[in-house]
C-alpha cells in the first residue's frame, strides 16, 4: 500500500540515486539499515515506521509536516 508520504519518499530516494549516490551512503547518513531501505525501494516491505520515514526524510533534506484534518461538521 502506498501513501502520498511513501510515494514522495520513494521519489526522493530515486533522485538521490540519480545524483550518483548509493543506498549504502543513504543508510550511513540516515542511520536506517541498508536492508530496510532496499526492501522499501523494491516494494517488499508492506509498511514503514514513521520514525524510519523521518530519519530518511531528514537525510534527504526533507521534512515531515503534520496537519490537522478538516472536520466535516
Protein backbone atom coordinates (compact mmCIF):
# COMPACT_ATOMS: atom_id res chain seq x y z
CA UNK A 1 0.00 0.00 0.00
CA UNK A 2 1.42 3.35 -0.96
CA UNK A 3 0.59 6.71 0.55
CA UNK A 4 1.46 10.25 -0.52
CA UNK A 5 4.24 10.24 2.09
CA UNK A 6 5.80 6.96 0.95
CA UNK A 7 5.43 7.96 -2.69
CA UNK A 8 7.32 11.23 -2.03
CA UNK A 9 9.99 9.38 -0.07
CA UNK A 10 10.41 6.81 -2.85
CA UNK A 11 10.82 9.59 -5.44
CA UNK A 12 13.34 11.42 -3.24
CA UNK A 13 15.42 8.25 -2.87
CA UNK A 14 15.34 7.73 -6.65
CA UNK A 15 16.55 11.31 -7.10
CA UNK A 16 19.31 10.66 -4.53
CA UNK A 17 20.44 7.71 -6.65
CA UNK A 18 20.35 9.64 -9.93
CA UNK A 19 22.90 12.00 -8.41
CA UNK A 20 25.33 9.09 -8.18
CA UNK A 21 24.74 8.35 -4.52
CA UNK A 22 24.21 4.83 -3.22
CA UNK A 23 21.67 3.35 -0.85
CA UNK A 24 24.65 2.47 1.34
CA UNK A 25 25.50 6.18 1.61
CA UNK A 26 21.88 6.96 2.47
CA UNK A 27 21.95 4.23 5.10
CA UNK A 28 25.04 5.71 6.72
CA UNK A 29 23.67 9.25 6.60
CA UNK A 30 20.22 8.34 7.92
CA UNK A 31 21.03 5.58 10.39
CA UNK A 32 18.49 3.31 8.69
CA UNK A 33 19.80 -0.14 7.80
CA UNK A 34 20.53 -0.90 4.17
CA UNK A 35 18.19 -3.92 4.04
CA UNK A 36 15.27 -1.80 5.31
CA UNK A 37 15.90 0.79 2.58
CA UNK A 38 16.31 -1.91 -0.07
CA UNK A 39 13.06 -3.66 0.92
CA UNK A 40 11.23 -0.33 0.86
CA UNK A 41 12.57 0.52 -2.59
CA UNK A 42 11.77 -2.94 -4.00
CA UNK A 43 8.23 -2.88 -2.63
CA UNK A 44 8.83 -5.94 -0.45
CA UNK A 45 8.06 -4.02 2.71
CA UNK A 46 4.33 -3.51 3.35
CA UNK A 47 4.70 -0.70 5.84
CA UNK A 48 7.43 1.59 7.06
CA UNK A 49 7.55 3.11 10.51
CA UNK A 50 7.10 6.84 10.88
CA UNK A 51 10.44 7.04 12.72
CA UNK A 52 12.14 5.43 9.73
CA UNK A 53 10.40 7.80 7.32
CA UNK A 54 11.55 10.74 9.46
CA UNK A 55 15.18 9.57 9.51
CA UNK A 56 15.24 9.05 5.74
CA UNK A 57 13.45 12.33 5.06
CA UNK A 58 15.91 14.25 7.24
CA UNK A 59 18.88 12.65 5.48
CA UNK A 60 17.33 13.61 2.13
CA UNK A 61 16.75 17.22 3.17
CA UNK A 62 13.02 16.79 3.57
CA UNK A 63 10.69 17.49 6.50
CA UNK A 64 7.51 15.81 7.64
CA UNK A 65 4.65 18.18 8.29
CA UNK A 66 1.51 17.13 10.10
CA UNK A 67 -1.74 18.98 9.66
CA UNK A 68 -4.98 18.67 11.48
CA UNK A 69 -7.71 17.17 9.33
CA UNK A 70 -10.56 19.48 8.49
CA UNK A 71 -13.76 18.32 10.11
CA UNK A 72 -16.86 17.83 8.03
CA UNK A 73 -19.08 19.29 10.75
